Amino acid sequence: LSMILVPPLIFALINPAIFFKALDTAGTFGISVLFGIVPACMAWVQRYGSVEPSSDGARAGVSPSPRFAPELVPGGRAAPGV
């Protein structure tokens, strides 16, 4: 536990600006993944299905998921990727 907490504590005590910059960078990366990449992946899976593993462990192919609502955003497969 001390190997996890002591190094950041030392950096924070020596130069708080570096520690706050690291927190800002880590937060920016996490937020961009959480609100940028994850929703696009969720929309892709809802539209086009997910890859289901076969009985031997290899990829069997794409199984379409049922559509419960029409596509609200036009653009085909390129729209979730943008």
N, C-alpha and C. Protein backbone atom coordinates (compact mmCIF):
# COMPACT_ATOMS: atom_id res chain seq x y z
N LEU A 1 0.82 -1.19 0.00
CA LEU A 1 0.00 0.00 0.00
C LEU A 1 0.87 1.26 0.00
N SER A 2 1.96 1.21 0.73
CA SER A 2 2.82 2.41 0.76
C SER A 2 3.52 2.63 -0.58
N MET A 3 3.76 1.55 -1.33
CA MET A 3 4.38 1.70 -2.65
C MET A 3 3.43 2.39 -3.63
N ILE A 4 2.15 2.39 -3.33
CA ILE A 4 1.18 3.05 -4.20
C ILE A 4 0.99 4.51 -3.80
N LEU A 5 0.99 4.78 -2.52
CA LEU A 5 0.67 6.12 -2.04
C LEU A 5 1.86 7.04 -1.86
N VAL A 6 3.02 6.50 -1.55
CA VAL A 6 4.17 7.35 -1.23
C VAL A 6 4.73 8.10 -2.46
N PRO A 7 4.96 7.47 -3.61
CA PRO A 7 5.51 8.24 -4.74
C PRO A 7 4.64 9.42 -5.18
N PRO A 8 3.31 9.27 -5.32
CA PRO A 8 2.53 10.47 -5.66
C PRO A 8 2.55 11.52 -4.56
N LEU A 9 2.61 11.09 -3.32
CA LEU A 9 2.69 12.04 -2.22
C LEU A 9 3.98 12.85 -2.30
N ILE A 10 5.08 12.19 -2.61
CA ILE A 10 6.37 12.89 -2.72
C ILE A 10 6.32 13.91 -3.86
N PHE A 11 5.80 13.48 -5.03
CA PHE A 11 5.69 14.43 -6.15
C PHE A 11 4.76 15.59 -5.81
N ALA A 12 3.67 15.32 -5.10
CA ALA A 12 2.73 16.39 -4.75
C ALA A 12 3.35 17.36 -3.76
N LEU A 13 4.17 16.87 -2.86
CA LEU A 13 4.80 17.76 -1.89
C LEU A 13 5.92 18.58 -2.52
N ILE A 14 6.65 18.01 -3.46
CA ILE A 14 7.75 18.71 -4.09
C ILE A 14 7.24 19.79 -5.04
N ASN A 15 6.31 19.41 -5.92
CA ASN A 15 5.79 20.35 -6.91
C ASN A 15 4.32 20.04 -7.17
N PRO A 16 3.41 20.74 -6.53
CA PRO A 16 1.98 20.46 -6.71
C PRO A 16 1.49 20.70 -8.14
N ALA A 17 2.14 21.56 -8.89
CA ALA A 17 1.70 21.84 -10.26
C ALA A 17 1.84 20.60 -11.14
N ILE A 18 2.90 19.83 -10.96
CA ILE A 18 3.08 18.60 -11.73
C ILE A 18 1.99 17.60 -11.39
N PHE A 19 1.68 17.48 -10.11
CA PHE A 19 0.66 16.54 -9.67
C PHE A 19 -0.71 16.93 -10.24
N PHE A 20 -1.04 18.21 -10.21
CA PHE A 20 -2.33 18.65 -10.74
C PHE A 20 -2.38 18.49 -12.26
N LYS A 21 -1.26 18.69 -12.94
CA LYS A 21 -1.21 18.48 -14.39
C LYS A 21 -1.44 17.01 -14.72
N ALA A 22 -0.86 16.11 -13.93
CA ALA A 22 -1.06 14.67 -14.15
C ALA A 22 -2.52 14.29 -13.91
N LEU A 23 -3.13 14.83 -12.87
CA LEU A 23 -4.54 14.57 -12.61
C LEU A 23 -5.42 15.09 -13.74
N ASP A 24 -5.08 16.25 -14.26
CA ASP A 24 -5.85 16.83 -15.36
C ASP A 24 -5.75 15.96 -16.61
N THR A 25 -4.54 15.50 -16.91
CA THR A 25 -4.33 14.64 -18.08
C THR A 25 -5.07 13.32 -17.93
N ALA A 26 -4.98 12.70 -16.78
CA ALA A 26 -5.67 11.42 -16.55
C ALA A 26 -7.18 11.60 -16.60
N GLY A 27 -7.68 12.68 -16.08
CA GLY A 27 -9.11 12.94 -16.13
C GLY A 27 -9.60 13.20 -17.54
N THR A 28 -8.81 13.91 -18.32
CA THR A 28 -9.19 14.20 -19.70
C THR A 28 -9.25 12.92 -20.52
N PHE A 29 -8.29 12.03 -20.33
CA PHE A 29 -8.29 10.77 -21.06
C PHE A 29 -9.49 9.92 -20.65
N GLY A 30 -9.77 9.83 -19.37
CA GLY A 30 -10.90 9.03 -18.89
C GLY A 30 -12.24 9.55 -19.37
N ILE A 31 -12.42 10.85 -19.35
CA ILE A 31 -13.68 11.44 -19.80
C ILE A 31 -13.86 11.26 -21.29
N SER A 32 -12.78 11.40 -22.06
CA SER A 32 -12.92 11.23 -23.51
C SER A 32 -13.27 9.79 -23.87
N VAL A 33 -12.75 8.83 -23.13
CA VAL A 33 -13.11 7.43 -23.38
C VAL A 33 -14.54 7.17 -22.94
N LEU A 34 -14.89 7.66 -21.75
CA LEU A 34 -16.21 7.39 -21.19
C LEU A 34 -17.32 8.02 -22.00
N PHE A 35 -17.16 9.25 -22.43
CA PHE A 35 -18.22 9.96 -23.13
C PHE A 35 -18.02 10.05 -24.64
N GLY A 36 -16.89 9.59 -25.16
CA GLY A 36 -16.64 9.67 -26.58
C GLY A 36 -16.61 8.32 -27.27
N ILE A 37 -15.84 7.39 -26.74
CA ILE A 37 -15.65 6.11 -27.41
C ILE A 37 -16.72 5.09 -27.01
N VAL A 38 -17.04 5.02 -25.73
CA VAL A 38 -18.01 4.03 -25.26
C VAL A 38 -19.39 4.21 -25.90
N PRO A 39 -19.97 5.41 -25.98
CA PRO A 39 -21.28 5.53 -26.63
C PRO A 39 -21.25 5.15 -28.11
N ALA A 40 -20.16 5.48 -28.81
CA ALA A 40 -20.06 5.09 -30.22
C ALA A 40 -20.01 3.57 -30.36
N CYS A 41 -19.29 2.90 -29.48
CA CYS A 41 -19.24 1.43 -29.51
C CYS A 41 -20.60 0.83 -29.16
N MET A 42 -21.31 1.42 -28.22
CA MET A 42 -22.63 0.93 -27.87
C MET A 42 -23.60 1.09 -29.04
N ALA A 43 -23.54 2.22 -29.74
CA ALA A 43 -24.41 2.43 -30.90
C ALA A 43 -24.07 1.45 -32.01
N TRP A 44 -22.78 1.18 -32.19
CA TRP A 44 -22.35 0.23 -33.22
C TRP A 44 -22.91 -1.16 -32.93
N VAL A 45 -22.79 -1.61 -31.69
CA VAL A 45 -23.28 -2.94 -31.32
C VAL A 45 -24.79 -3.01 -31.44
N GLN A 46 -25.49 -1.95 -31.08
CA GLN A 46 -26.94 -1.97 -31.19
C GLN A 46 -27.37 -2.00 -32.66
N ARG A 47 -26.66 -1.28 -33.51
CA ARG A 47 -27.04 -1.24 -34.92
C ARG A 47 -26.68 -2.51 -35.67
N TYR A 48 -25.46 -2.99 -35.48
CA TYR A 48 -24.93 -4.02 -36.36
C TYR A 48 -24.68 -5.35 -35.67
N GLY A 49 -24.94 -5.47 -34.40
CA GLY A 49 -24.75 -6.73 -33.70
C GLY A 49 -23.37 -6.83 -33.08
N SER A 50 -23.17 -7.91 -32.39
CA SER A 50 -21.89 -8.14 -31.73
C SER A 50 -21.30 -9.44 -32.24
N VAL A 51 -20.01 -9.61 -32.05
CA VAL A 51 -19.34 -10.83 -32.47
C VAL A 51 -19.50 -11.85 -31.36
N GLU A 52 -20.10 -12.96 -31.69
CA GLU A 52 -20.33 -14.04 -30.72
C GLU A 52 -19.27 -15.11 -30.92
N PRO A 53 -18.66 -15.61 -29.85
CA PRO A 53 -17.69 -16.69 -30.02
C PRO A 53 -18.39 -18.00 -30.36
N SER A 54 -17.73 -18.81 -31.18
CA SER A 54 -18.30 -20.10 -31.52
C SER A 54 -17.94 -21.11 -30.44
N SER A 55 -18.38 -22.34 -30.61
CA SER A 55 -18.14 -23.37 -29.59
C SER A 55 -16.66 -23.73 -29.47
N ASP A 56 -15.88 -23.55 -30.54
CA ASP A 56 -14.46 -23.88 -30.46
C ASP A 56 -13.59 -22.69 -30.04
N GLY A 57 -14.21 -21.55 -29.72
CA GLY A 57 -13.47 -20.40 -29.22
C GLY A 57 -13.11 -19.40 -30.28
N ALA A 58 -13.32 -19.71 -31.55
CA ALA A 58 -13.01 -18.77 -32.63
C ALA A 58 -14.22 -17.88 -32.88
N ARG A 59 -14.00 -16.82 -33.62
CA ARG A 59 -15.11 -15.92 -33.95
C ARG A 59 -16.01 -16.59 -34.98
N ALA A 60 -17.28 -16.66 -34.66
CA ALA A 60 -18.22 -17.30 -35.58
C ALA A 60 -18.72 -16.31 -36.62
N GLY A 61 -18.79 -15.05 -36.27
CA GLY A 61 -19.30 -14.05 -37.19
C GLY A 61 -20.20 -13.08 -36.46
N VAL A 62 -20.82 -12.25 -37.22
CA VAL A 62 -21.65 -11.20 -36.64
C VAL A 62 -23.08 -11.69 -36.56
N SER A 63 -23.64 -11.62 -35.37
CA SER A 63 -25.05 -11.96 -35.21
C SER A 63 -25.82 -10.66 -35.03
N PRO A 64 -26.80 -10.41 -35.87
CA PRO A 64 -27.51 -9.14 -35.77
C PRO A 64 -28.34 -9.06 -34.51
N SER A 65 -28.35 -7.89 -33.91
CA SER A 65 -29.18 -7.69 -32.73
C SER A 65 -30.53 -7.13 -33.18
N PRO A 66 -31.57 -7.42 -32.44
CA PRO A 66 -32.88 -6.89 -32.84
C PRO A 66 -32.91 -5.38 -32.70
N ARG A 67 -33.57 -4.73 -33.62
CA ARG A 67 -33.68 -3.27 -33.56
C ARG A 67 -34.97 -2.92 -32.85
N PHE A 68 -34.86 -2.14 -31.82
CA PHE A 68 -36.02 -1.72 -31.06
C PHE A 68 -36.46 -0.32 -31.46
N ALA A 69 -35.61 0.42 -32.12
CA ALA A 69 -35.93 1.78 -32.55
C ALA A 69 -35.26 2.02 -33.91
N PRO A 70 -35.80 2.91 -34.70
CA PRO A 70 -35.15 3.21 -35.98
C PRO A 70 -33.84 3.96 -35.76
N GLU A 71 -33.00 3.95 -36.77
CA GLU A 71 -31.75 4.70 -36.68
C GLU A 71 -32.08 6.19 -36.63
N LEU A 72 -31.68 6.85 -35.58
CA LEU A 72 -31.98 8.26 -35.42
C LEU A 72 -30.95 9.16 -36.10
N VAL A 73 -29.76 8.63 -36.29
CA VAL A 73 -28.69 9.40 -36.93
C VAL A 73 -28.38 8.76 -38.27
N PRO A 74 -28.56 9.48 -39.38
CA PRO A 74 -28.24 8.90 -40.67
C PRO A 74 -26.73 8.80 -40.87
N GLY A 75 -26.32 8.06 -41.84
CA GLY A 75 -24.90 8.00 -42.16
C GLY A 75 -24.33 6.62 -42.24
N GLY A 76 -25.12 5.60 -41.95
CA GLY A 76 -24.65 4.22 -42.05
C GLY A 76 -23.58 3.90 -41.05
N ARG A 77 -22.61 3.11 -41.46
CA ARG A 77 -21.54 2.65 -40.56
C ARG A 77 -20.53 3.76 -40.23
N ALA A 78 -20.48 4.80 -41.00
CA ALA A 78 -19.52 5.87 -40.75
C ALA A 78 -19.95 6.79 -39.62
N ALA A 79 -21.24 6.91 -39.36
CA ALA A 79 -21.73 7.86 -38.36
C ALA A 79 -21.24 7.56 -36.94
N PRO A 80 -21.30 6.31 -36.44
CA PRO A 80 -20.77 6.07 -35.10
C PRO A 80 -19.26 6.21 -35.01
N GLY A 81 -18.56 6.07 -36.13
CA GLY A 81 -17.11 6.16 -36.13
C GLY A 81 -16.57 7.57 -36.13
N VAL A 82 -17.42 8.54 -36.40
CA VAL A 82 -16.95 9.92 -36.49
C VAL A 82 -16.84 10.54 -35.14
